[in-house]
């Protein structure tokens, strides 16, 4: 059982991480000064450096925190799980600063001296696992290679959110995700699986409702 001191430490770390996410999301890595983060979190520099050794460490933590903002939502399996993951992602990017900061920092990392593909690899493995289950359930066409499709979806979503950010402030990101699946599913899934999967705004509303 955790002690009050341990609980406070966890709360402090979470406060710092969320404040850093908000500041990184608003200003990018270059504009996110430590003082801004400390002020937003309402903590001392000593408290921050107890949990994170540098601004870069904060950035790396957020870059790799992305799946944790989405995967806990998941209850479906196979192909529907993969689709649901991208639908929830399209929503969370609009409302969750942890995810938004992670996405922004991953895209900007070369500008602050990092070359870390682990966030992309993590998403690829999560999606490949969904597709492996889909294959076991007979949902995929013969010869479909799960890892290759997973990489393609990660790459597509990466570009898609960049376009949506500029075009609509990500307001139409869910529609873009649905369009991606309508184009992709006939090439990877058997007809019976396509008819059974849900790719729509109604499906996203259902997923959000079950979490509230």
Protein backbone atom coordinates (compact mmCIF):
# COMPACT_ATOMS: atom_id res chain seq x y z
CA UNK A 1 0.00 0.00 0.00
CA UNK A 2 1.38 3.41 -0.95
CA UNK A 3 2.09 6.00 1.71
CA UNK A 4 0.79 9.61 1.68
CA UNK A 5 4.31 10.73 0.77
CA UNK A 6 4.42 8.38 -2.21
CA UNK A 7 0.96 9.50 -3.30
CA UNK A 8 2.05 13.15 -3.15
CA UNK A 9 5.12 12.34 -5.22
CA UNK A 10 2.96 10.67 -7.86
CA UNK A 11 0.57 13.63 -7.89
CA UNK A 12 3.48 16.07 -8.19
CA UNK A 13 4.96 14.13 -11.09
CA UNK A 14 1.61 14.03 -12.87
CA UNK A 15 1.10 17.77 -12.30
CA UNK A 16 4.53 18.54 -13.76
CA UNK A 17 3.95 16.27 -16.74
CA UNK A 18 0.55 17.75 -17.52
CA UNK A 19 1.84 21.32 -17.15
CA UNK A 20 4.77 20.50 -19.42
CA UNK A 21 2.39 18.97 -21.95
CA UNK A 22 0.26 22.11 -22.01
CA UNK A 23 3.29 24.36 -22.43
CA UNK A 24 4.93 22.16 -25.09
CA UNK A 25 1.64 21.97 -26.95
CA UNK A 26 1.26 25.75 -26.93
CA UNK A 27 4.85 26.84 -27.53
CA UNK A 28 6.78 23.86 -28.90
CA UNK A 29 10.05 22.66 -27.39
CA UNK A 30 11.99 25.85 -28.10
CA UNK A 31 9.37 28.13 -26.55
CA UNK A 32 8.66 25.94 -23.55
CA UNK A 33 10.97 27.35 -20.89
CA UNK A 34 11.45 25.58 -17.59
CA UNK A 35 10.10 28.67 -15.81
CA UNK A 36 6.90 28.49 -17.85
CA UNK A 37 6.48 24.84 -16.94
CA UNK A 38 7.19 25.45 -13.24
CA UNK A 39 4.72 28.33 -13.12
CA UNK A 40 2.04 26.28 -14.85
CA UNK A 41 2.61 23.32 -12.51
CA UNK A 42 2.92 25.45 -9.38
CA UNK A 43 6.04 23.61 -8.19
CA UNK A 44 9.66 24.46 -7.44
CA UNK A 45 12.58 23.62 -9.69
CA UNK A 46 13.78 21.17 -7.05
CA UNK A 47 10.50 19.27 -7.28
CA UNK A 48 10.73 19.12 -11.05
CA UNK A 49 14.35 17.97 -11.18
CA UNK A 50 13.55 15.30 -8.60
CA UNK A 51 11.31 13.67 -11.22
CA UNK A 52 12.83 14.84 -14.52
CA UNK A 53 16.50 15.59 -15.03
CA UNK A 54 15.97 18.05 -17.90
CA UNK A 55 13.50 19.59 -20.32
CA UNK A 56 14.58 16.95 -22.83
CA UNK A 57 13.66 14.22 -20.34
CA UNK A 58 10.21 15.75 -20.02
CA UNK A 59 9.90 15.81 -23.80
CA UNK A 60 10.96 12.19 -24.17
CA UNK A 61 8.50 11.10 -21.49
CA UNK A 62 5.65 12.84 -23.27
CA UNK A 63 6.69 11.48 -26.66
CA UNK A 64 6.43 7.96 -25.29
CA UNK A 65 3.29 8.57 -23.22
CA UNK A 66 0.99 8.63 -26.24
CA UNK A 67 -0.36 5.05 -26.10
CA UNK A 68 -1.29 5.46 -22.45
CA UNK A 69 -3.80 8.14 -23.39
CA UNK A 70 -5.69 5.75 -25.67
CA UNK A 71 -5.03 2.04 -25.08
CA UNK A 72 -6.79 1.95 -21.66
CA UNK A 73 -10.00 2.84 -23.50
CA UNK A 74 -9.88 -0.27 -25.66
CA UNK A 75 -12.26 -3.19 -25.21
CA UNK A 76 -12.80 -4.48 -28.76
CA UNK A 77 -10.54 -6.99 -30.50
CA UNK A 78 -8.97 -7.63 -33.87
CA UNK A 79 -9.77 -5.32 -36.77
CA UNK A 80 -12.40 -3.37 -34.84
CA UNK A 81 -9.87 -2.72 -32.08
CA UNK A 82 -7.46 -1.19 -34.58
CA UNK A 83 -10.19 0.98 -36.08
CA UNK A 84 -11.39 2.03 -32.63
CA UNK A 85 -7.84 2.95 -31.65
CA UNK A 86 -7.58 5.40 -34.55
CA UNK A 87 -11.06 6.81 -33.94
CA UNK A 88 -10.32 7.49 -30.26
CA UNK A 89 -6.94 8.94 -31.27
CA UNK A 90 -8.69 11.38 -33.62
CA UNK A 91 -10.84 12.59 -30.72
CA UNK A 92 -8.18 12.65 -28.02
CA UNK A 93 -5.87 14.76 -30.16
CA UNK A 94 -8.44 17.52 -29.83
CA UNK A 95 -8.92 17.30 -26.06
CA UNK A 96 -5.87 15.71 -24.41
CA UNK A 97 -2.76 17.91 -24.01
CA UNK A 98 -0.61 14.88 -23.11
CA UNK A 99 -1.33 13.29 -26.48
CA UNK A 100 -1.10 16.56 -28.39
CA UNK A 101 2.25 17.41 -26.83
CA UNK A 102 3.58 13.92 -27.50
CA UNK A 103 2.57 14.14 -31.15
CA UNK A 104 3.99 17.64 -31.57
CA UNK A 105 7.28 16.81 -29.88
CA UNK A 106 7.70 13.59 -31.86
CA UNK A 107 7.26 15.55 -35.07
CA UNK A 108 9.58 18.39 -33.98
CA UNK A 109 12.26 16.31 -32.28
CA UNK A 110 14.95 16.86 -34.90
CA UNK A 111 14.83 20.60 -34.14
CA UNK A 112 15.96 19.98 -30.55
CA UNK A 113 18.57 17.34 -31.24
CA UNK A 114 16.64 14.08 -30.74
CA UNK A 115 16.23 11.28 -33.25
CA UNK A 116 13.99 8.79 -31.48
CA UNK A 117 11.67 6.56 -33.49
CA UNK A 118 10.39 4.68 -30.44
CA UNK A 119 6.99 6.48 -30.35
CA UNK A 120 6.34 5.35 -33.93
CA UNK A 121 7.59 1.84 -33.16
CA UNK A 122 5.33 1.59 -30.13
CA UNK A 123 2.27 2.50 -32.16
CA UNK A 124 3.32 0.07 -34.88
CA UNK A 125 3.62 -2.82 -32.42
CA UNK A 126 0.26 -2.02 -30.82
CA UNK A 127 -1.42 -1.96 -34.22
CA UNK A 128 0.40 -5.07 -35.41
CA UNK A 129 -0.90 -6.91 -32.35
CA UNK A 130 -4.46 -5.90 -33.30
CA UNK A 131 -3.89 -7.20 -36.81
CA UNK A 132 -2.38 -10.45 -35.56
CA UNK A 133 -5.60 -11.10 -33.64
CA UNK A 134 -7.58 -10.10 -36.73
CA UNK A 135 -5.65 -12.70 -38.73
CA UNK A 136 -6.41 -15.36 -36.13
CA UNK A 137 -10.10 -14.46 -36.37
CA UNK A 138 -10.01 -14.84 -40.17
CA UNK A 139 -10.66 -11.13 -40.76
CA UNK A 140 -7.67 -10.46 -43.03
CA UNK A 141 -7.13 -11.39 -46.65
CA UNK A 142 -4.52 -14.10 -47.34
CA UNK A 143 -1.01 -12.70 -47.61
CA UNK A 144 -1.67 -9.51 -45.65
CA UNK A 145 1.41 -8.79 -43.53
CA UNK A 146 0.35 -7.33 -40.19
CA UNK A 147 3.52 -5.36 -39.45
CA UNK A 148 3.59 -3.74 -42.90
CA UNK A 149 -0.04 -2.66 -42.60
CA UNK A 150 0.56 -1.36 -39.08
CA UNK A 151 3.50 0.74 -40.27
CA UNK A 152 1.39 2.11 -43.10
CA UNK A 153 -1.42 3.12 -40.72
CA UNK A 154 1.03 4.85 -38.39
CA UNK A 155 2.57 6.72 -41.31
CA UNK A 156 -0.86 7.64 -42.67
CA UNK A 157 -2.11 8.91 -39.33
CA UNK A 158 1.07 10.93 -38.80
CA UNK A 159 0.59 12.78 -42.07
CA UNK A 160 -3.16 12.97 -41.69
CA UNK A 161 -3.08 14.83 -38.39
CA UNK A 162 -0.52 17.28 -39.77
CA UNK A 163 -2.83 18.15 -42.67
CA UNK A 164 -5.90 18.31 -40.40
CA UNK A 165 -4.10 20.62 -37.96
CA UNK A 166 -3.54 23.19 -40.69
CA UNK A 167 -6.77 22.62 -42.60
CA UNK A 168 -9.31 22.53 -39.77
CA UNK A 169 -7.61 22.66 -36.37
CA UNK A 170 -8.18 18.87 -36.37
CA UNK A 171 -11.96 19.37 -36.42
CA UNK A 172 -12.28 16.97 -39.36
CA UNK A 173 -9.67 14.45 -38.22
CA UNK A 174 -12.25 11.77 -37.38
CA UNK A 175 -13.73 12.12 -40.87
CA UNK A 176 -10.26 11.73 -42.37
CA UNK A 177 -9.68 8.60 -40.28
CA UNK A 178 -12.97 7.11 -41.48
CA UNK A 179 -12.05 7.87 -45.09
CA UNK A 180 -8.68 6.16 -44.63
CA UNK A 181 -10.40 2.99 -43.45
CA UNK A 182 -12.98 3.02 -46.23
CA UNK A 183 -10.08 3.12 -48.70
CA UNK A 184 -7.86 0.64 -46.89
CA UNK A 185 -10.24 -2.05 -45.67
CA UNK A 186 -11.08 -3.58 -49.07
CA UNK A 187 -7.38 -4.25 -49.61
CA UNK A 188 -6.68 -5.95 -46.28
CA UNK A 189 -9.94 -7.44 -44.96
CA UNK A 190 -12.28 -10.16 -46.16
CA UNK A 191 -15.77 -8.93 -47.16
CA UNK A 192 -17.46 -10.49 -44.12
CA UNK A 193 -15.13 -8.62 -41.76
CA UNK A 194 -15.74 -5.33 -43.55
CA UNK A 195 -19.49 -5.64 -43.10
CA UNK A 196 -19.04 -6.38 -39.40
CA UNK A 197 -16.73 -3.49 -38.58
CA UNK A 198 -17.93 0.00 -37.69
CA UNK A 199 -16.12 3.03 -39.06
CA UNK A 200 -18.22 6.09 -38.41
CA UNK A 201 -18.91 9.08 -36.21
CA UNK A 202 -21.59 6.99 -34.51
CA UNK A 203 -18.97 4.41 -33.54
CA UNK A 204 -16.81 7.14 -32.01
CA UNK A 205 -19.80 8.48 -30.06
CA UNK A 206 -20.46 4.97 -28.77
CA UNK A 207 -16.84 4.59 -27.65
CA UNK A 208 -16.89 7.96 -25.89
CA UNK A 209 -20.22 7.19 -24.22
CA UNK A 210 -18.93 3.95 -22.72
CA UNK A 211 -16.06 5.86 -21.08
CA UNK A 212 -18.29 8.45 -19.42
